[in-house]
Amino acid sequence: MFSPHGIKLAVYLISSYFGDLNAKVCECLLRRGTQPLAQVVRFTELSRENVRNCLLVLIHHNCVQAFAVQQEGGFGEAPKVITNYMALFDNIIHKLRFPKFIEIVSEELGKECEEIFEGLLQHGRLSLSQIIDRYKQTSNQGDSSADAARDSFNRLVNTKFVERCPAPEPFLEPLTEEEAAAAKKRGAKSAKIQAQTMEQRALTAAAPMDSLRFLVETDTWNDSVEETDKKTTDVTCGTKRKQDNLESNTELLSTDEKKVLWRANFEEFICRLRHKACVANVKVRINNDAAIVLAATLELSRHSETKLRIDNSVPQSINAIYDEVIKREGGLGMDLERIRASLVELGCEVPLMAIDETYSVDLKNIIEQARIEEVESIVLKRYGREAYRMFRLLSKADRLLETDKISDTTFVEKKDAVKILFKLWKDDFLEMKKVITRGTRQSEFLLWKINKQSLWEHVLDEMYHAALNLRLRITHEQEQEKEILQMPRDKLVGELGDRYKRLRKVRITLESSLMNLDDALMLFHDF
């Protein structure tokens, strides 16, 4: 399940983009898990037509995935097929980082690709003819705009920034007799695991085949705007998808099923941001040489990675790493010995035989170190330097430590140490265990430890809460100065001009804070 404040943030984002009705349907799916249409209608108390329209909008914007399963009928009845709907929490939260995705596309591929990609983020999923039609509306290139759009789209697909959309409603085959018997044997305790497995199966079944995921067929290039239904090509730029234009959104889903739809490939962007975060951490924690070598190694292994959260980079030869390092800024003067030394600093082992000298970097450890440093900085700011020293000691020990041991090692008075440890425990940063020794004299010891997994979850929920507060504050500031935002720029003079400048300054500060906080969110959730 998702964290409490994570759900609140996701629901608020849906409400901001698509209106309150869509947010209500999304909240039902996030809190209650995968549900069929009838159950969503029951829990939300909305009309069946409203729920259906909301689900269509959320599916179109990659926030919900539908899938069909076979359900056993009653006595003497044949099995029937029902459609279930599950919320895609990660895709909803990704809306926070759309500016980062756009920046990556702009830096790597240029303005034309950025415009096409921005359209995909705004409209969820589009066919090529819709992409070309939108590009014609926003560009001033005349007849050449269609060719320019196709070239830019092709570059986006080749870099894996854009992918084919998943199947709208895949059918999950019923479990075999052996699998059903094993599930029944595990009993009710495994119900949650079974539900997760079903949802994972649904996502796998919906995903396009690897050979087709980034394939642009020749026939697709010959699609023309005239061949497309007017309802499906009515794409306008700059419109917010609120509830008042919900019907126009649902009409976009009535496209012919055979038409190929495309969407942004969030996995590719998260992978690149993960690599960027690893390099930034190594640069600060080790040195610039190690960061250059890591960036080169990750660039070589990026195209061979089969999943998002790989523990180790794909093994690369020392010669391949050297060739990539010297292409980078600051890497031209590095020789093989300096590169080997940097790889050792990154935790790689030097092979005994130089015949097949390959290296693989432990990315999981780098992410772990980055998380520890992030939490340590929170402890330092919130509880002070003495608490920071004790927390750091427990983090490095990674085992139960007695109060006296912590007090003596960190040079903190035992009375003060106990108060600090209890405060950290009360705020869920530590775990405590009482040990009572029995003998001639009974005594009680308090042991302390950091449970990293539960700590990561606690810190992540706090970050979701902070992100929600920042979004609410941004909205509040804009509502307070609504009349200023609606006035022409030349009218903003005197006191009105000062209010506009203040609003602009506050908004930049809040949005910058939100982007920095989002980096930490990805560190604990996506990386």
Protein backbone atom coordinates (compact mmCIF):
# COMPACT_ATOMS: atom_id res chain seq x y z
CA MET A 1 0.00 0.00 0.00
CA PHE A 2 0.96 3.62 -0.38
CA SER A 3 1.90 5.98 2.44
CA PRO A 4 -0.89 8.20 3.87
CA HIS A 5 0.58 11.51 2.75
CA GLY A 6 1.65 9.98 -0.56
CA ILE A 7 -2.03 9.26 -1.28
CA LYS A 8 -3.02 12.81 -0.25
CA LEU A 9 -0.38 14.28 -2.56
CA ALA A 10 -1.44 12.06 -5.48
CA VAL A 11 -5.12 12.97 -4.98
CA TYR A 12 -4.26 16.68 -4.83
CA LEU A 13 -2.27 16.43 -8.08
CA ILE A 14 -5.19 14.72 -9.83
CA SER A 15 -7.57 17.38 -8.51
CA SER A 16 -5.26 20.16 -9.76
CA TYR A 17 -4.98 18.67 -13.26
CA PHE A 18 -8.35 17.01 -13.86
CA GLY A 19 -10.88 18.23 -11.26
CA ASP A 20 -12.52 16.94 -8.09
CA LEU A 21 -14.57 14.11 -9.63
CA ASN A 22 -11.48 12.48 -11.12
CA ALA A 23 -9.68 12.99 -7.82
CA LYS A 24 -12.49 11.22 -5.94
CA VAL A 25 -12.31 8.19 -8.24
CA CYS A 26 -8.53 8.11 -8.02
CA GLU A 27 -8.60 8.33 -4.22
CA CYS A 28 -10.97 5.36 -4.09
CA LEU A 29 -8.54 3.23 -6.11
CA LEU A 30 -5.49 4.39 -4.13
CA ARG A 31 -7.05 3.71 -0.73
CA ARG A 32 -9.04 0.55 -1.52
CA GLY A 33 -6.77 -0.99 -4.14
CA THR A 34 -7.82 -2.49 -7.47
CA GLN A 35 -11.61 -2.36 -7.95
CA PRO A 36 -14.20 -3.16 -10.66
CA LEU A 37 -16.47 -0.39 -11.95
CA ALA A 38 -19.41 -1.40 -9.76
CA GLN A 39 -17.35 -1.12 -6.57
CA VAL A 40 -15.93 2.27 -7.55
CA VAL A 41 -19.49 3.52 -8.14
CA ARG A 42 -20.52 2.15 -4.73
CA PHE A 43 -17.63 3.65 -2.76
CA THR A 44 -17.58 7.07 -4.48
CA GLU A 45 -21.39 7.42 -4.58
CA LEU A 46 -21.10 8.95 -8.06
CA SER A 47 -23.24 8.01 -11.04
CA ARG A 48 -22.03 5.14 -13.20
CA GLU A 49 -21.61 7.47 -16.18
CA ASN A 50 -19.49 9.94 -14.18
CA VAL A 51 -17.25 7.17 -12.85
CA ARG A 52 -16.86 5.70 -16.33
CA ASN A 53 -15.89 9.10 -17.79
CA CYS A 54 -13.42 9.73 -14.95
CA LEU A 55 -11.79 6.34 -15.48
CA LEU A 56 -11.46 7.05 -19.21
CA VAL A 57 -9.73 10.36 -18.51
CA LEU A 58 -7.38 8.78 -15.93
CA ILE A 59 -6.52 5.91 -18.30
CA HIS A 60 -5.86 8.35 -21.13
CA HIS A 61 -3.44 10.26 -18.90
CA ASN A 62 -1.66 7.08 -17.75
CA CYS A 63 -2.92 7.34 -14.16
CA VAL A 64 -5.05 4.16 -14.20
CA GLN A 65 -4.60 0.77 -15.88
CA ALA A 66 -7.58 -1.46 -16.70
CA PHE A 67 -7.36 -5.24 -17.03
CA ALA A 68 -9.86 -8.06 -17.43
CA VAL A 69 -10.02 -11.18 -15.27
CA GLN A 70 -12.24 -14.23 -15.28
CA GLN A 71 -14.55 -14.53 -12.29
CA GLU A 72 -16.32 -17.69 -11.25
CA GLY A 73 -20.10 -17.55 -11.71
CA GLY A 74 -22.72 -18.70 -9.22
CA PHE A 75 -24.10 -22.20 -8.96
CA GLY A 76 -24.90 -23.47 -12.42
CA GLU A 77 -23.59 -20.26 -14.05
CA ALA A 78 -20.71 -19.96 -16.49
CA PRO A 79 -17.63 -17.92 -15.54
CA LYS A 80 -17.78 -14.26 -16.53
CA VAL A 81 -15.16 -11.69 -17.43
CA ILE A 82 -15.00 -8.46 -15.37
CA THR A 83 -12.80 -5.39 -15.81
CA ASN A 84 -10.73 -4.17 -12.87
CA TYR A 85 -9.06 -0.77 -12.50
CA MET A 86 -5.87 -0.01 -10.60
CA ALA A 87 -4.31 3.39 -9.89
CA LEU A 88 -0.73 3.94 -11.11
CA PHE A 89 0.66 5.86 -8.14
CA ASP A 90 4.14 6.40 -9.60
CA ASN A 91 2.77 7.90 -12.83
CA ILE A 92 0.65 10.34 -10.83
CA ILE A 93 3.61 11.51 -8.71
CA HIS A 94 5.70 11.87 -11.89
CA LYS A 95 3.58 14.93 -12.69
CA LEU A 96 5.68 16.77 -10.08
CA ARG A 97 8.79 16.27 -12.20
CA PHE A 98 7.46 17.09 -15.68
CA PRO A 99 9.69 20.23 -15.78
CA LYS A 100 12.75 18.01 -15.21
CA PHE A 101 11.72 15.66 -18.02
CA ILE A 102 11.19 18.61 -20.39
CA GLU A 103 14.60 20.03 -19.46
CA ILE A 104 16.33 16.72 -20.28
CA VAL A 105 14.64 16.58 -23.70
CA SER A 106 15.46 20.23 -24.43
CA GLU A 107 19.15 19.85 -23.52
CA GLU A 108 19.64 16.62 -25.49
CA LEU A 109 17.36 17.01 -28.51
CA GLY A 110 16.47 20.69 -28.88
CA LYS A 111 13.41 22.93 -28.96
CA GLU A 112 11.41 21.07 -31.65
CA CYS A 113 11.53 17.78 -29.74
CA GLU A 114 10.69 19.65 -26.54
CA GLU A 115 7.48 21.01 -28.08
CA ILE A 116 6.33 17.55 -29.20
CA PHE A 117 7.24 15.98 -25.87
CA GLU A 118 5.46 18.72 -23.94
CA GLY A 119 2.32 17.95 -25.93
CA LEU A 120 2.51 14.28 -24.92
CA LEU A 121 2.84 15.25 -21.26
CA GLN A 122 -0.12 17.61 -21.55
CA HIS A 123 -2.46 15.24 -23.40
CA GLY A 124 -1.37 11.88 -21.96
CA ARG A 125 -1.27 9.78 -25.12
CA LEU A 126 -1.50 10.76 -28.78
CA SER A 127 -1.27 9.15 -32.21
CA LEU A 128 1.32 10.40 -34.68
CA SER A 129 -1.32 12.23 -36.73
CA GLN A 130 -2.45 14.06 -33.57
CA ILE A 131 1.15 14.95 -32.75
CA ILE A 132 1.67 16.37 -36.25
CA ASP A 133 -1.62 18.29 -36.07
CA ARG A 134 -0.67 19.86 -32.75
CA TYR A 135 2.81 20.74 -34.02
CA LYS A 136 1.27 22.53 -37.02
CA GLN A 137 -0.84 24.63 -34.68
CA THR A 138 2.10 25.70 -32.52
CA SER A 139 4.85 26.16 -35.15
CA ASN A 140 5.13 28.62 -38.03
CA GLN A 141 7.00 26.41 -40.49
CA GLY A 142 4.19 26.02 -43.03
CA ASP A 143 4.09 22.85 -45.11
CA SER A 144 7.48 21.71 -43.81
CA SER A 145 6.13 21.41 -40.25
CA ALA A 146 4.82 17.87 -40.83
CA ASP A 147 8.27 16.61 -41.89
CA ALA A 148 9.91 18.46 -39.00
CA ALA A 149 7.44 16.89 -36.56
CA ARG A 150 8.13 13.40 -37.93
CA ASP A 151 11.89 13.87 -37.65
CA SER A 152 11.61 15.17 -34.09
CA PHE A 153 9.24 12.37 -33.13
CA ASN A 154 11.64 9.80 -34.57
CA ARG A 155 14.48 11.24 -32.47
CA LEU A 156 12.33 11.04 -29.32
CA VAL A 157 11.56 7.37 -30.00
CA ASN A 158 15.21 6.54 -30.81
CA THR A 159 16.34 7.99 -27.48
CA LYS A 160 13.53 6.06 -25.72
CA PHE A 161 11.94 9.24 -24.39
CA VAL A 162 8.67 8.15 -26.03
CA GLU A 163 7.16 4.67 -26.16
CA ARG A 164 4.06 2.88 -27.42
CA CYS A 165 1.15 2.89 -24.99
CA PRO A 166 0.28 -0.32 -23.13
CA ALA A 167 -2.76 -2.37 -24.08
CA PRO A 168 -5.90 -0.63 -22.76
CA GLU A 169 -7.44 -3.75 -21.21
CA PRO A 170 -5.30 -6.92 -21.23
CA PHE A 171 -6.90 -10.21 -20.21
CA LEU A 172 -5.23 -12.16 -17.39
CA GLU A 173 -5.44 -15.90 -17.86
CA PRO A 174 -6.87 -17.78 -14.83
CA LEU A 175 -4.36 -19.45 -12.51
CA THR A 176 -3.57 -23.09 -13.21
CA GLU A 177 -4.84 -25.75 -10.80
CA GLU A 178 -1.39 -26.02 -9.19
CA GLU A 179 -1.11 -22.24 -8.70
CA ALA A 180 -4.67 -22.03 -7.32
CA ALA A 181 -3.99 -24.89 -4.88
CA ALA A 182 -0.76 -23.25 -3.70
CA ALA A 183 -2.56 -19.92 -3.18
CA LYS A 184 -5.36 -21.61 -1.21
CA LYS A 185 -2.78 -23.40 0.92
CA ARG A 186 -1.07 -20.14 1.86
CA GLY A 187 -4.39 -18.86 3.18
CA ALA A 188 -5.59 -15.37 3.99
CA LYS A 189 -2.15 -14.08 5.02
CA SER A 190 -1.03 -14.16 1.41
CA ALA A 191 -4.06 -12.22 0.08
CA LYS A 192 -2.07 -9.00 -0.11
CA ILE A 193 0.81 -10.73 -1.92
CA GLN A 194 -1.65 -12.33 -4.35
CA ALA A 195 -3.21 -8.92 -5.11
CA GLN A 196 0.23 -7.45 -5.79
CA THR A 197 1.07 -10.39 -8.02
CA MET A 198 -2.16 -9.88 -9.99
CA GLU A 199 -1.38 -6.19 -10.49
CA GLN A 200 2.18 -6.97 -11.57
CA ARG A 201 0.83 -9.55 -14.01
CA ALA A 202 -1.58 -6.96 -15.39
CA LEU A 203 1.19 -4.41 -15.99
CA THR A 204 3.35 -7.07 -17.65
CA ALA A 205 0.47 -8.21 -19.86
CA ALA A 206 -0.36 -4.62 -20.86
CA ALA A 207 3.22 -3.66 -21.75
CA PRO A 208 4.05 -3.83 -25.47
CA MET A 209 6.57 -6.46 -26.60
CA ASP A 210 10.19 -5.34 -26.39
CA SER A 211 10.50 -5.62 -30.18
CA LEU A 212 7.51 -3.26 -30.65
CA ARG A 213 7.89 -0.87 -27.73
CA PHE A 214 10.02 1.63 -29.68
CA LEU A 215 9.14 0.53 -33.22
CA VAL A 216 7.81 3.17 -35.60
CA GLU A 217 6.21 1.29 -38.48
CA THR A 218 6.49 2.60 -42.01
CA ASP A 219 2.70 2.71 -42.34
CA THR A 220 2.53 5.07 -39.38
CA TRP A 221 4.52 7.73 -41.24
CA ASN A 222 1.90 7.81 -43.99
CA ASP A 223 -0.95 8.69 -41.65
CA SER A 224 -2.46 12.04 -42.56
CA VAL A 225 -4.51 14.36 -40.46
CA GLU A 226 -7.37 14.09 -42.97
CA GLU A 227 -7.69 10.33 -42.33
CA THR A 228 -8.17 10.88 -38.62
CA ASP A 229 -11.60 11.37 -37.07
CA LYS A 230 -12.20 15.03 -36.28
CA LYS A 231 -12.95 14.10 -32.69
CA THR A 232 -9.53 12.55 -32.20
CA THR A 233 -7.58 15.40 -33.80
CA ASP A 234 -9.23 18.19 -31.87
CA VAL A 235 -6.12 18.82 -29.79
CA THR A 236 -5.60 22.32 -28.46
CA CYS A 237 -2.52 23.54 -26.70
CA GLY A 238 -2.38 25.22 -23.32
CA THR A 239 -5.76 23.90 -22.11
CA LYS A 240 -5.99 22.57 -18.56
CA ARG A 241 -7.82 19.25 -18.29
CA LYS A 242 -10.40 20.26 -15.73
CA GLN A 243 -13.80 18.67 -15.12
CA ASP A 244 -15.58 21.24 -17.27
CA ASN A 245 -13.98 19.79 -20.44
CA LEU A 246 -14.12 16.14 -19.34
CA GLU A 247 -16.32 15.11 -22.28
CA SER A 248 -13.76 16.28 -24.84
CA ASN A 249 -11.12 14.19 -23.05
CA THR A 250 -13.18 11.02 -23.13
CA GLU A 251 -13.80 11.48 -26.83
CA LEU A 252 -10.05 11.14 -27.38
CA LEU A 253 -10.33 7.55 -26.20
CA SER A 254 -12.79 6.62 -28.92
CA THR A 255 -9.97 6.29 -31.45
CA ASP A 256 -9.76 3.20 -33.60
CA GLU A 257 -8.11 0.45 -31.54
CA LYS A 258 -5.69 -0.34 -34.38
CA LYS A 259 -4.19 3.17 -34.28
CA VAL A 260 -0.85 3.28 -32.47
CA LEU A 261 -0.83 5.65 -29.50
CA TRP A 262 2.34 7.03 -27.94
CA ARG A 263 3.21 8.37 -24.49
CA ALA A 264 6.21 9.62 -22.49
CA ASN A 265 8.50 6.84 -21.26
CA PHE A 266 8.91 7.76 -17.59
CA GLU A 267 11.28 4.86 -16.90
CA GLU A 268 13.97 6.32 -19.19
CA PHE A 269 13.86 9.69 -17.44
CA ILE A 270 13.97 8.15 -13.96
CA CYS A 271 16.93 6.02 -15.06
CA ARG A 272 18.82 9.11 -16.24
CA LEU A 273 17.96 11.04 -13.09
CA ARG A 274 19.12 8.07 -11.00
CA HIS A 275 22.46 8.05 -12.79
CA LYS A 276 22.76 11.82 -12.37
CA ALA A 277 22.06 11.53 -8.63
CA CYS A 278 24.71 8.81 -8.23
CA VAL A 279 27.32 10.91 -10.03
CA ALA A 280 26.48 14.01 -7.94
CA ASN A 281 26.75 12.03 -4.70
CA VAL A 282 30.10 10.49 -5.66
CA LYS A 283 31.47 13.90 -6.69
CA VAL A 284 30.76 15.32 -3.22
CA ARG A 285 31.53 12.20 -1.17
CA ILE A 286 34.68 10.97 -2.99
CA ASN A 287 36.16 13.29 -5.64
CA ASN A 288 35.72 14.65 -9.17
CA ASP A 289 37.79 11.88 -10.82
CA ALA A 290 35.54 9.18 -9.39
CA ALA A 291 32.47 11.10 -10.60
CA ILE A 292 33.87 11.30 -14.16
CA VAL A 293 34.65 7.58 -14.20
CA LEU A 294 31.22 6.69 -12.80
CA ALA A 295 29.46 8.91 -15.37
CA ALA A 296 31.41 7.20 -18.17
CA THR A 297 30.63 3.72 -16.83
CA LEU A 298 26.91 4.49 -16.51
CA GLU A 299 26.76 5.95 -20.01
CA LEU A 300 28.25 2.72 -21.39
CA SER A 301 25.89 0.47 -19.42
CA ARG A 302 22.71 2.53 -19.84
CA HIS A 303 21.66 0.94 -23.14
CA SER A 304 22.20 -2.57 -21.74
CA GLU A 305 20.19 -2.12 -18.54
CA THR A 306 17.13 -4.39 -18.48
CA LYS A 307 15.33 -2.81 -15.50
CA LEU A 308 15.17 0.49 -13.66
CA ARG A 309 16.61 -0.35 -10.24
CA ILE A 310 19.73 -2.34 -11.08
CA ASP A 311 22.01 -3.08 -8.12
CA ASN A 312 25.22 -3.06 -10.18
CA SER A 313 26.15 -1.42 -13.46
CA VAL A 314 26.64 -3.67 -16.48
CA PRO A 315 30.30 -4.90 -16.50
CA GLN A 316 32.51 -2.85 -18.83
CA SER A 317 36.10 -3.37 -19.96
CA ILE A 318 38.78 -0.98 -18.77
CA ASN A 319 39.50 0.05 -22.36
CA ALA A 320 35.85 0.94 -23.04
CA ILE A 321 35.73 2.96 -19.81
CA TYR A 322 38.95 4.77 -20.78
CA ASP A 323 37.61 5.66 -24.24
CA GLU A 324 34.44 7.11 -22.70
CA VAL A 325 36.29 8.96 -19.90
CA ILE A 326 38.57 10.92 -22.26
CA LYS A 327 35.51 12.22 -24.14
CA ARG A 328 34.26 13.94 -21.01
CA GLU A 329 35.12 17.33 -19.58
CA GLY A 330 37.98 16.88 -17.14
CA GLY A 331 38.69 13.33 -18.29
CA LEU A 332 41.14 13.99 -21.12
CA GLY A 333 44.18 13.98 -18.83
CA MET A 334 43.26 10.77 -16.99
CA ASP A 335 45.33 7.65 -17.67
CA LEU A 336 44.52 4.00 -16.96
CA GLU A 337 46.08 4.07 -13.48
CA ARG A 338 43.99 7.04 -12.37
CA ILE A 339 40.88 5.39 -13.76
CA ARG A 340 41.68 2.13 -11.92
CA ALA A 341 42.26 4.07 -8.69
CA SER A 342 38.89 5.81 -9.09
CA LEU A 343 37.17 2.46 -9.74
CA VAL A 344 38.69 1.10 -6.52
CA GLU A 345 37.37 4.17 -4.66
CA LEU A 346 33.94 3.35 -6.12
CA GLY A 347 34.15 -0.10 -4.49
CA CYS A 348 35.21 -2.15 -7.52
CA GLU A 349 37.68 -5.00 -7.13
CA VAL A 350 40.71 -5.09 -9.41
CA PRO A 351 40.69 -8.38 -11.37
CA LEU A 352 43.59 -10.75 -10.67
CA MET A 353 43.96 -11.51 -14.38
CA ALA A 354 44.47 -8.55 -16.69
CA ILE A 355 43.28 -10.55 -19.71
CA ASP A 356 39.60 -9.81 -19.11
CA GLU A 357 39.72 -6.64 -17.01
CA THR A 358 36.09 -5.61 -16.49
CA TYR A 359 34.47 -3.49 -13.78
CA SER A 360 30.96 -3.17 -12.36
CA VAL A 361 30.00 -0.39 -9.93
CA ASP A 362 27.76 -1.09 -6.93
CA LEU A 363 24.97 1.46 -7.54
CA LYS A 364 22.84 0.09 -4.70
CA ASN A 365 25.54 1.04 -2.19
CA ILE A 366 25.82 4.56 -3.64
CA ILE A 367 22.06 5.07 -3.34
CA GLU A 368 22.17 3.67 0.21
CA GLN A 369 24.92 6.13 1.18
CA ALA A 370 22.98 9.01 -0.37
CA ARG A 371 19.87 8.07 1.64
CA ILE A 372 21.84 7.85 4.88
CA GLU A 373 23.39 11.27 4.27
CA GLU A 374 19.94 12.76 3.54
CA VAL A 375 18.48 11.40 6.80
CA GLU A 376 21.56 12.45 8.76
CA SER A 377 21.11 16.01 7.51
CA ILE A 378 17.46 15.92 8.65
CA VAL A 379 18.52 14.70 12.12
CA LEU A 380 21.19 17.41 12.33
CA LYS A 381 18.77 20.23 11.46
CA ARG A 382 15.91 18.94 13.59
CA TYR A 383 17.61 17.53 16.71
CA GLY A 384 21.09 19.08 16.85
CA ARG A 385 24.70 17.96 16.56
CA GLU A 386 24.71 15.55 19.50
CA ALA A 387 21.73 13.66 18.06
CA TYR A 388 23.49 13.65 14.69
CA ARG A 389 26.59 12.00 16.19
CA MET A 390 24.52 9.31 17.92
CA PHE A 391 22.43 8.64 14.82
CA ARG A 392 25.56 8.40 12.67
CA LEU A 393 27.12 5.93 15.12
CA LEU A 394 24.04 3.69 14.98
CA SER A 395 23.93 3.99 11.21
CA LYS A 396 27.52 2.82 10.82
CA ALA A 397 27.15 0.07 13.44
CA ASP A 398 23.97 -1.33 11.83
CA ARG A 399 23.23 -3.36 14.99
CA LEU A 400 21.80 -2.98 18.50
CA LEU A 401 23.89 -0.75 20.78
CA GLU A 402 23.46 -0.18 24.51
CA THR A 403 22.85 3.33 25.86
CA ASP A 404 26.18 3.49 27.75
CA LYS A 405 28.09 2.48 24.61
CA ILE A 406 26.41 5.24 22.60
CA SER A 407 26.99 7.82 25.33
CA ASP A 408 30.69 6.95 25.77
CA THR A 409 31.46 6.81 22.03
CA THR A 410 29.76 10.10 21.16
CA PHE A 411 30.95 11.96 24.30
CA VAL A 412 27.40 12.86 25.37
CA GLU A 413 26.30 12.77 29.01
CA LYS A 414 24.21 9.64 29.64
CA LYS A 415 21.25 11.64 30.96
CA ASP A 416 21.23 13.83 27.82
CA ALA A 417 21.85 10.81 25.58
CA VAL A 418 18.79 9.01 26.94
CA LYS A 419 16.60 12.08 26.32
CA ILE A 420 17.84 12.43 22.74
CA LEU A 421 17.50 8.71 21.99
CA PHE A 422 13.95 8.67 23.33
CA LYS A 423 13.08 11.69 21.20
CA LEU A 424 14.46 9.99 18.07
CA TRP A 425 12.58 6.80 18.98
CA LYS A 426 9.33 8.68 19.57
CA ASP A 427 9.64 10.28 16.10
CA ASP A 428 10.24 6.84 14.48
CA PHE A 429 13.92 7.41 13.64
CA LEU A 430 15.11 4.59 15.92
CA GLU A 431 13.95 1.24 17.25
CA MET A 432 14.28 0.42 20.96
CA LYS A 433 14.54 -2.93 22.68
CA LYS A 434 14.39 -3.51 26.44
CA VAL A 435 16.55 -6.29 27.89
CA ILE A 436 16.02 -7.43 31.49
CA THR A 437 18.78 -9.45 33.10
CA ARG A 438 17.76 -11.77 35.92
CA GLY A 439 20.07 -12.89 38.71
CA THR A 440 21.05 -11.77 42.17
CA ARG A 441 20.26 -8.26 41.01
CA GLN A 442 17.72 -7.59 38.29
CA SER A 443 18.64 -4.81 35.86
CA GLU A 444 17.24 -3.34 32.67
CA PHE A 445 19.17 -2.30 29.57
CA LEU A 446 17.94 -0.26 26.62
CA LEU A 447 19.28 -1.23 23.21
CA TRP A 448 18.94 1.01 20.15
CA LYS A 449 19.06 0.33 16.43
CA ILE A 450 18.17 1.87 13.08
CA ASN A 451 15.78 -0.19 10.97
CA LYS A 452 16.62 1.33 7.60
CA GLN A 453 13.65 -0.04 5.68
CA SER A 454 11.03 1.32 8.09
CA LEU A 455 13.04 4.54 8.46
CA TRP A 456 13.09 5.09 4.68
CA GLU A 457 9.30 4.64 4.60
CA HIS A 458 8.82 7.11 7.48
CA VAL A 459 11.10 9.74 5.92
CA LEU A 460 9.41 9.28 2.53
CA ASP A 461 5.97 9.89 4.04
CA GLU A 462 7.27 13.06 5.72
CA MET A 463 8.61 14.23 2.36
CA TYR A 464 5.26 13.59 0.68
CA HIS A 465 3.67 15.70 3.44
CA ALA A 466 6.17 18.52 2.85
CA ALA A 467 5.62 18.38 -0.94
CA LEU A 468 1.85 18.58 -0.44
CA ASN A 469 2.26 21.61 1.84
CA LEU A 470 4.45 23.35 -0.75
CA ARG A 471 1.89 22.71 -3.50
CA LEU A 472 -0.91 24.02 -1.28
CA ARG A 473 1.13 27.13 -0.43
CA ILE A 474 1.82 27.84 -4.13
CA THR A 475 -1.90 27.53 -4.89
CA HIS A 476 -2.79 29.75 -1.91
CA GLU A 477 -0.38 32.49 -3.04
CA GLN A 478 -1.82 32.42 -6.56
CA GLU A 479 -5.41 32.57 -5.25
CA GLN A 480 -4.53 35.53 -3.03
CA GLU A 481 -3.20 37.49 -6.00
CA LYS A 482 -5.61 36.19 -8.64
CA GLU A 483 -6.58 39.70 -9.76
CA ILE A 484 -2.91 40.62 -10.26
CA LEU A 485 -2.31 37.57 -12.49
CA GLN A 486 -5.33 38.42 -14.65
CA MET A 487 -4.26 42.03 -15.28
CA PRO A 488 -2.23 43.09 -18.36
CA ARG A 489 1.50 43.50 -17.67
CA ASP A 490 1.53 47.21 -18.61
CA LYS A 491 -1.06 47.92 -15.90
CA LEU A 492 1.14 46.54 -13.12
CA VAL A 493 2.69 49.77 -11.84
CA GLY A 494 3.18 51.22 -8.39
CA GLU A 495 1.67 49.11 -5.61
CA LEU A 496 0.32 46.56 -8.10
CA GLY A 497 3.81 46.16 -9.55
CA ASP A 498 5.27 45.57 -6.09
CA ARG A 499 2.63 42.91 -5.38
CA TYR A 500 3.41 41.19 -8.68
CA LYS A 501 7.15 41.18 -7.95
CA ARG A 502 6.53 39.76 -4.47
CA LEU A 503 4.31 37.00 -5.89
CA ARG A 504 6.89 36.15 -8.53
CA LYS A 505 9.67 35.98 -5.95
CA VAL A 506 7.61 33.81 -3.56
CA ARG A 507 6.54 31.48 -6.36
CA ILE A 508 10.11 31.00 -7.61
CA THR A 509 11.28 30.22 -4.06
CA LEU A 510 8.47 27.73 -3.41
CA GLU A 511 8.80 25.98 -6.76
CA SER A 512 12.59 25.72 -6.39
CA SER A 513 12.10 24.20 -2.94
CA LEU A 514 9.59 21.73 -4.40
CA MET A 515 12.02 20.68 -7.15
CA ASN A 516 14.80 20.13 -4.59
CA LEU A 517 12.43 18.17 -2.36
CA ASP A 518 11.42 16.07 -5.36
CA ASP A 519 15.08 15.03 -5.79
CA ALA A 520 14.93 13.56 -2.29
CA LEU A 521 11.54 11.94 -3.03
CA MET A 522 13.02 10.12 -6.02
CA LEU A 523 16.02 9.06 -3.93
CA PHE A 524 13.79 7.22 -1.44
CA HIS A 525 11.05 5.99 -3.77
CA ASP A 526 12.21 5.71 -7.39
CA PHE A 527 15.93 5.02 -7.11
